[in-house]
């Protein structure tokens, strides 16, 4: 799991459905959740978890996409295995990982220093800890 540190900015709720907006050093991140713990309150810091296999990467991205979360990041490492590539990204002082197929990594010609957009679905982001 990758972890991002952010502050809870806004909570929208209807019945059990919640959309929580976080401030990730000036970038809004959104999380979709069914039910929230009482500790989840506006203004508190949170450690957010994301599975590396849920982080998509776009290179030279333009246009619209339905992913709620877009983080401009730099590639700090690319580790190619036999089937998969682990791509370490850095944004706002946080490192996190994307796990993609080796074929796609090679097709995109991903390299250390490339600036990419990390795409995270709101349903794939979760709170691992309130700080």
N, C-alpha and C. Protein backbone atom coordinates (compact mmCIF):
# COMPACT_ATOMS: atom_id res chain seq x y z
N UNK A 1 0.84 -1.19 0.00
CA UNK A 1 0.00 0.00 0.00
C UNK A 1 0.88 1.25 0.00
N UNK A 2 0.41 2.24 -0.72
CA UNK A 2 1.06 3.54 -0.70
C UNK A 2 0.27 4.45 0.24
N UNK A 3 0.96 5.41 0.84
CA UNK A 3 0.32 6.32 1.78
C UNK A 3 0.57 7.76 1.37
N UNK A 4 -0.49 8.56 1.41
CA UNK A 4 -0.42 10.00 1.15
C UNK A 4 -0.94 10.72 2.38
N UNK A 5 -0.28 11.78 2.81
CA UNK A 5 -0.73 12.55 3.97
C UNK A 5 -1.50 13.78 3.48
N UNK A 6 -2.69 13.99 4.04
CA UNK A 6 -3.54 15.10 3.60
C UNK A 6 -4.41 15.56 4.77
N UNK A 7 -5.02 16.73 4.59
CA UNK A 7 -5.93 17.28 5.59
C UNK A 7 -7.36 17.20 5.06
N UNK A 8 -8.30 16.82 5.93
CA UNK A 8 -9.71 16.74 5.54
C UNK A 8 -10.24 18.15 5.34
N UNK A 9 -10.74 18.42 4.15
CA UNK A 9 -11.19 19.75 3.76
C UNK A 9 -12.71 19.89 3.77
N UNK A 10 -13.40 18.83 3.37
CA UNK A 10 -14.86 18.91 3.22
C UNK A 10 -15.44 17.50 3.27
N UNK A 11 -16.63 17.38 3.86
CA UNK A 11 -17.34 16.10 3.89
C UNK A 11 -18.77 16.35 3.41
N UNK A 12 -19.15 15.62 2.37
CA UNK A 12 -20.53 15.68 1.85
C UNK A 12 -21.16 14.32 2.10
N UNK A 13 -22.37 14.32 2.68
CA UNK A 13 -23.02 13.05 3.01
C UNK A 13 -24.48 13.06 2.63
N UNK A 14 -24.91 11.95 2.07
CA UNK A 14 -26.33 11.69 1.83
C UNK A 14 -26.56 10.24 2.22
N UNK A 15 -27.44 10.03 3.21
CA UNK A 15 -27.65 8.71 3.78
C UNK A 15 -26.30 8.14 4.21
N UNK A 16 -25.89 6.97 3.70
CA UNK A 16 -24.61 6.38 4.08
C UNK A 16 -23.49 6.70 3.10
N UNK A 17 -23.80 7.41 2.02
CA UNK A 17 -22.78 7.73 1.02
C UNK A 17 -22.07 9.02 1.40
N UNK A 18 -20.74 8.98 1.36
CA UNK A 18 -19.93 10.14 1.73
C UNK A 18 -18.89 10.42 0.65
N UNK A 19 -18.72 11.69 0.34
CA UNK A 19 -17.62 12.14 -0.50
C UNK A 19 -16.77 13.03 0.40
N UNK A 20 -15.53 12.61 0.64
CA UNK A 20 -14.62 13.36 1.50
C UNK A 20 -13.57 13.99 0.60
N UNK A 21 -13.40 15.31 0.74
CA UNK A 21 -12.37 16.04 -0.02
C UNK A 21 -11.20 16.32 0.92
N UNK A 22 -10.01 16.01 0.43
CA UNK A 22 -8.78 16.22 1.19
C UNK A 22 -7.92 17.27 0.49
N UNK A 23 -7.15 18.00 1.29
CA UNK A 23 -6.15 18.93 0.74
C UNK A 23 -4.81 18.23 0.84
N UNK A 24 -4.28 17.84 -0.32
CA UNK A 24 -2.98 17.19 -0.42
C UNK A 24 -1.99 18.24 -0.91
N UNK A 25 -1.58 19.13 0.01
CA UNK A 25 -0.66 20.22 -0.32
C UNK A 25 -1.10 21.01 -1.55
N UNK A 26 -2.36 21.47 -1.52
CA UNK A 26 -2.88 22.30 -2.60
C UNK A 26 -3.60 21.54 -3.70
N UNK A 27 -3.57 20.22 -3.65
CA UNK A 27 -4.29 19.39 -4.62
C UNK A 27 -5.49 18.78 -3.92
N UNK A 28 -6.68 18.95 -4.48
CA UNK A 28 -7.86 18.31 -3.92
C UNK A 28 -7.91 16.85 -4.32
N UNK A 29 -8.07 15.97 -3.33
CA UNK A 29 -8.28 14.55 -3.56
C UNK A 29 -9.64 14.20 -3.00
N UNK A 30 -10.36 13.33 -3.69
CA UNK A 30 -11.69 12.93 -3.24
C UNK A 30 -11.74 11.44 -2.99
N UNK A 31 -12.46 11.09 -1.93
CA UNK A 31 -12.67 9.70 -1.55
C UNK A 31 -14.16 9.44 -1.44
N UNK A 32 -14.62 8.33 -1.99
CA UNK A 32 -16.00 7.91 -1.88
C UNK A 32 -16.06 6.81 -0.82
N UNK A 33 -17.02 6.90 0.09
CA UNK A 33 -17.08 5.94 1.18
C UNK A 33 -18.51 5.69 1.62
N UNK A 34 -18.78 4.47 2.03
CA UNK A 34 -20.05 4.14 2.67
C UNK A 34 -19.79 4.11 4.17
N UNK A 35 -20.29 5.12 4.85
CA UNK A 35 -20.07 5.22 6.29
C UNK A 35 -18.68 5.76 6.61
N UNK A 36 -18.61 6.56 7.67
CA UNK A 36 -17.35 7.14 8.12
C UNK A 36 -17.24 7.00 9.63
N UNK A 37 -16.03 6.80 10.12
CA UNK A 37 -15.78 6.75 11.55
C UNK A 37 -15.96 8.16 12.12
N UNK A 38 -16.35 8.27 13.37
CA UNK A 38 -16.57 9.56 14.03
C UNK A 38 -15.34 10.45 14.05
N UNK A 39 -14.12 9.86 13.98
CA UNK A 39 -12.88 10.64 14.00
C UNK A 39 -12.67 11.43 12.73
N UNK A 40 -13.36 11.06 11.67
CA UNK A 40 -13.18 11.74 10.37
C UNK A 40 -13.93 13.07 10.44
N UNK A 41 -13.16 14.14 10.61
CA UNK A 41 -13.72 15.48 10.76
C UNK A 41 -12.91 16.49 9.97
N UNK A 42 -13.59 17.52 9.48
CA UNK A 42 -12.92 18.59 8.73
C UNK A 42 -11.80 19.19 9.58
N UNK A 43 -10.66 19.40 8.96
CA UNK A 43 -9.51 19.99 9.64
C UNK A 43 -8.49 18.99 10.14
N UNK A 44 -8.89 17.74 10.31
CA UNK A 44 -7.95 16.74 10.81
C UNK A 44 -7.06 16.22 9.68
N UNK A 45 -5.86 15.80 10.06
CA UNK A 45 -4.94 15.19 9.11
C UNK A 45 -5.25 13.70 9.00
N UNK A 46 -5.03 13.17 7.80
CA UNK A 46 -5.30 11.76 7.57
C UNK A 46 -4.19 11.14 6.73
N UNK A 47 -3.91 9.88 7.02
CA UNK A 47 -3.04 9.08 6.16
C UNK A 47 -3.97 8.34 5.21
N UNK A 48 -3.80 8.57 3.92
CA UNK A 48 -4.65 7.95 2.92
C UNK A 48 -3.92 6.78 2.28
N UNK A 49 -4.62 5.69 2.08
CA UNK A 49 -4.02 4.50 1.48
C UNK A 49 -4.56 4.29 0.08
N UNK A 50 -3.67 3.82 -0.78
CA UNK A 50 -4.05 3.48 -2.16
C UNK A 50 -3.22 2.27 -2.57
N UNK A 51 -3.86 1.29 -3.17
CA UNK A 51 -3.14 0.12 -3.67
C UNK A 51 -2.37 0.52 -4.91
N UNK A 52 -1.11 0.13 -5.02
CA UNK A 52 -0.32 0.46 -6.21
C UNK A 52 -0.98 0.03 -7.53
N UNK A 53 -1.71 -1.07 -7.49
CA UNK A 53 -2.38 -1.54 -8.71
C UNK A 53 -3.58 -0.67 -9.08
N UNK A 54 -3.96 0.26 -8.20
CA UNK A 54 -5.08 1.17 -8.48
C UNK A 54 -4.62 2.54 -8.96
N UNK A 55 -3.31 2.73 -9.10
CA UNK A 55 -2.77 4.01 -9.55
C UNK A 55 -2.44 3.90 -11.04
N UNK A 56 -3.23 4.57 -11.87
CA UNK A 56 -2.97 4.61 -13.31
C UNK A 56 -2.02 5.76 -13.60
N UNK A 57 -1.27 5.64 -14.68
CA UNK A 57 -0.32 6.69 -15.07
C UNK A 57 -0.66 7.18 -16.47
N UNK A 58 -0.68 8.50 -16.63
CA UNK A 58 -0.87 9.11 -17.95
C UNK A 58 0.35 9.97 -18.25
N UNK A 59 0.86 9.83 -19.46
CA UNK A 59 2.01 10.62 -19.89
C UNK A 59 1.53 11.52 -21.02
N UNK A 60 1.86 12.82 -20.91
CA UNK A 60 1.40 13.81 -21.90
C UNK A 60 -0.13 13.80 -21.99
N UNK A 61 -0.77 13.77 -20.83
CA UNK A 61 -2.23 13.70 -20.75
C UNK A 61 -2.88 15.04 -21.04
N UNK A 62 -3.93 15.01 -21.83
CA UNK A 62 -4.79 16.19 -22.02
C UNK A 62 -6.20 15.69 -22.22
N UNK A 63 -7.15 16.50 -21.85
CA UNK A 63 -8.55 16.11 -22.01
C UNK A 63 -9.21 15.81 -20.69
N UNK A 64 -10.40 15.27 -20.77
CA UNK A 64 -11.20 14.96 -19.58
C UNK A 64 -11.22 13.46 -19.34
N UNK A 65 -11.35 13.10 -18.08
CA UNK A 65 -11.43 11.69 -17.69
C UNK A 65 -12.26 11.63 -16.41
N UNK A 66 -12.92 10.52 -16.17
CA UNK A 66 -13.82 10.43 -15.03
C UNK A 66 -13.12 10.18 -13.70
N UNK A 67 -11.82 9.99 -13.69
CA UNK A 67 -11.10 9.83 -12.42
C UNK A 67 -11.18 11.14 -11.64
N UNK A 68 -11.54 11.06 -10.37
CA UNK A 68 -11.70 12.27 -9.55
C UNK A 68 -10.36 12.86 -9.14
N UNK A 69 -9.33 12.03 -9.08
CA UNK A 69 -8.05 12.46 -8.54
C UNK A 69 -6.95 12.41 -9.58
N UNK A 70 -6.33 13.56 -9.80
CA UNK A 70 -5.23 13.67 -10.75
C UNK A 70 -4.07 14.37 -10.04
N UNK A 71 -2.94 13.67 -9.94
CA UNK A 71 -1.78 14.22 -9.24
C UNK A 71 -0.61 14.28 -10.22
N UNK A 72 -0.09 15.48 -10.46
CA UNK A 72 1.12 15.62 -11.27
C UNK A 72 2.28 15.14 -10.41
N UNK A 73 3.05 14.20 -10.96
CA UNK A 73 4.12 13.58 -10.19
C UNK A 73 5.33 13.35 -11.09
N UNK A 74 6.47 13.18 -10.44
CA UNK A 74 7.71 12.84 -11.14
C UNK A 74 8.03 11.37 -10.88
N UNK A 75 8.56 10.71 -11.90
CA UNK A 75 8.99 9.33 -11.72
C UNK A 75 10.38 9.34 -11.10
N UNK A 76 10.53 8.64 -9.96
CA UNK A 76 11.82 8.57 -9.29
C UNK A 76 12.46 7.19 -9.43
N UNK A 77 11.68 6.19 -9.84
CA UNK A 77 12.24 4.86 -10.07
C UNK A 77 11.29 4.05 -10.95
N UNK A 78 11.87 3.24 -11.81
CA UNK A 78 11.11 2.28 -12.62
C UNK A 78 11.81 0.93 -12.47
N UNK A 79 11.12 -0.02 -11.88
CA UNK A 79 11.67 -1.36 -11.69
C UNK A 79 10.86 -2.34 -12.51
N UNK A 80 11.47 -2.84 -13.58
CA UNK A 80 10.80 -3.76 -14.48
C UNK A 80 11.04 -5.20 -14.07
N UNK A 81 9.94 -5.93 -13.92
CA UNK A 81 10.02 -7.36 -13.67
C UNK A 81 9.73 -8.11 -14.96
N UNK A 82 9.40 -9.37 -14.84
CA UNK A 82 9.12 -10.17 -16.03
C UNK A 82 7.74 -9.85 -16.62
N UNK A 83 6.78 -9.48 -15.76
CA UNK A 83 5.42 -9.18 -16.22
C UNK A 83 4.94 -7.78 -15.84
N UNK A 84 5.45 -7.28 -14.70
CA UNK A 84 4.96 -6.01 -14.17
C UNK A 84 6.09 -5.01 -13.99
N UNK A 85 5.70 -3.73 -13.96
CA UNK A 85 6.63 -2.65 -13.64
C UNK A 85 6.13 -1.94 -12.40
N UNK A 86 7.05 -1.72 -11.46
CA UNK A 86 6.76 -0.92 -10.29
C UNK A 86 7.34 0.47 -10.57
N UNK A 87 6.46 1.47 -10.59
CA UNK A 87 6.88 2.84 -10.88
C UNK A 87 6.71 3.66 -9.61
N UNK A 88 7.81 4.19 -9.09
CA UNK A 88 7.75 5.02 -7.89
C UNK A 88 7.60 6.47 -8.32
N UNK A 89 6.58 7.11 -7.78
CA UNK A 89 6.24 8.49 -8.11
C UNK A 89 6.46 9.38 -6.90
N UNK A 90 6.76 10.66 -7.16
CA UNK A 90 6.91 11.62 -6.07
C UNK A 90 6.08 12.86 -6.39
N UNK A 91 5.29 13.28 -5.40
CA UNK A 91 4.49 14.50 -5.52
C UNK A 91 4.35 15.12 -4.14
N UNK A 92 4.59 16.40 -4.06
CA UNK A 92 4.43 17.12 -2.79
C UNK A 92 5.18 16.47 -1.64
N UNK A 93 6.37 15.96 -1.90
CA UNK A 93 7.17 15.36 -0.84
C UNK A 93 6.74 13.96 -0.44
N UNK A 94 5.75 13.40 -1.12
CA UNK A 94 5.28 12.05 -0.82
C UNK A 94 5.67 11.13 -1.96
N UNK A 95 6.14 9.94 -1.64
CA UNK A 95 6.38 8.93 -2.65
C UNK A 95 5.27 7.90 -2.59
N UNK A 96 4.83 7.45 -3.75
CA UNK A 96 3.84 6.40 -3.84
C UNK A 96 4.11 5.59 -5.09
N UNK A 97 3.47 4.43 -5.18
CA UNK A 97 3.80 3.47 -6.22
C UNK A 97 2.63 3.21 -7.15
N UNK A 98 2.96 2.97 -8.40
CA UNK A 98 2.00 2.49 -9.39
C UNK A 98 2.52 1.15 -9.89
N UNK A 99 1.65 0.18 -9.97
CA UNK A 99 2.02 -1.14 -10.46
C UNK A 99 1.26 -1.36 -11.77
N UNK A 100 2.01 -1.42 -12.88
CA UNK A 100 1.41 -1.56 -14.21
C UNK A 100 2.08 -2.71 -14.95
N UNK A 101 1.52 -3.09 -16.08
CA UNK A 101 2.13 -4.18 -16.84
C UNK A 101 3.44 -3.71 -17.48
N UNK A 102 4.35 -4.63 -17.62
CA UNK A 102 5.64 -4.34 -18.25
C UNK A 102 5.42 -3.84 -19.68
N UNK A 103 4.48 -4.45 -20.38
CA UNK A 103 4.19 -4.06 -21.76
C UNK A 103 3.80 -2.59 -21.86
N UNK A 104 2.93 -2.14 -20.97
CA UNK A 104 2.50 -0.74 -20.98
C UNK A 104 3.64 0.18 -20.59
N UNK A 105 4.43 -0.20 -19.60
CA UNK A 105 5.56 0.61 -19.17
C UNK A 105 6.53 0.83 -20.33
N UNK A 106 6.81 -0.23 -21.07
CA UNK A 106 7.72 -0.11 -22.21
C UNK A 106 7.09 0.71 -23.33
N UNK A 107 5.81 0.50 -23.58
CA UNK A 107 5.10 1.25 -24.63
C UNK A 107 5.11 2.75 -24.34
N UNK A 108 4.95 3.10 -23.06
CA UNK A 108 4.95 4.51 -22.65
C UNK A 108 6.36 5.07 -22.53
N UNK A 109 7.37 4.20 -22.60
CA UNK A 109 8.77 4.60 -22.47
C UNK A 109 9.00 5.39 -21.18
N UNK A 110 8.50 4.85 -20.07
CA UNK A 110 8.61 5.53 -18.78
C UNK A 110 10.05 5.52 -18.30
N UNK A 111 10.50 6.67 -17.79
CA UNK A 111 11.88 6.79 -17.33
C UNK A 111 11.95 7.74 -16.13
N UNK A 112 12.98 7.57 -15.31
CA UNK A 112 13.21 8.45 -14.17
C UNK A 112 13.30 9.88 -14.68
N UNK A 113 12.60 10.78 -13.98
CA UNK A 113 12.58 12.20 -14.35
C UNK A 113 11.36 12.60 -15.15
N UNK A 114 10.66 11.62 -15.75
CA UNK A 114 9.44 11.95 -16.50
C UNK A 114 8.40 12.55 -15.56
N UNK A 115 7.68 13.54 -16.04
CA UNK A 115 6.54 14.10 -15.30
C UNK A 115 5.29 13.46 -15.89
N UNK A 116 4.48 12.89 -15.02
CA UNK A 116 3.27 12.17 -15.44
C UNK A 116 2.09 12.64 -14.59
N UNK A 117 0.92 12.16 -14.93
CA UNK A 117 -0.26 12.38 -14.11
C UNK A 117 -0.68 11.03 -13.53
N UNK A 118 -0.72 10.95 -12.20
CA UNK A 118 -1.22 9.76 -11.52
C UNK A 118 -2.72 9.92 -11.38
N UNK A 119 -3.46 8.89 -11.77
CA UNK A 119 -4.91 8.93 -11.73
C UNK A 119 -5.41 7.93 -10.69
N UNK A 120 -6.25 8.43 -9.76
CA UNK A 120 -6.77 7.60 -8.68
C UNK A 120 -8.28 7.73 -8.64
N UNK A 121 -8.98 6.62 -8.66
CA UNK A 121 -10.43 6.67 -8.53
C UNK A 121 -10.80 6.98 -7.08
N UNK A 122 -11.86 7.74 -6.90
CA UNK A 122 -12.31 8.10 -5.55
C UNK A 122 -12.68 6.86 -4.74
N UNK A 123 -13.16 5.83 -5.40
CA UNK A 123 -13.54 4.60 -4.70
C UNK A 123 -12.34 3.76 -4.27
N UNK A 124 -11.15 4.06 -4.76
CA UNK A 124 -9.95 3.30 -4.43
C UNK A 124 -9.11 3.96 -3.33
N UNK A 125 -9.45 5.17 -2.94
CA UNK A 125 -8.74 5.89 -1.89
C UNK A 125 -9.41 5.58 -0.56
N UNK A 126 -8.63 5.34 0.49
CA UNK A 126 -9.21 5.07 1.79
C UNK A 126 -8.38 5.72 2.89
N UNK A 127 -8.99 5.91 4.04
CA UNK A 127 -8.31 6.48 5.20
C UNK A 127 -7.73 5.33 6.02
N UNK A 128 -6.41 5.33 6.20
CA UNK A 128 -5.81 4.28 7.03
C UNK A 128 -5.64 4.74 8.47
N UNK A 129 -5.55 6.08 8.65
CA UNK A 129 -5.34 6.59 10.02
C UNK A 129 -5.68 8.07 10.07
N UNK A 130 -6.32 8.49 11.15
CA UNK A 130 -6.51 9.90 11.45
C UNK A 130 -5.37 10.29 12.37
N UNK A 131 -4.67 11.38 12.02
CA UNK A 131 -3.47 11.77 12.76
C UNK A 131 -3.80 12.94 13.68
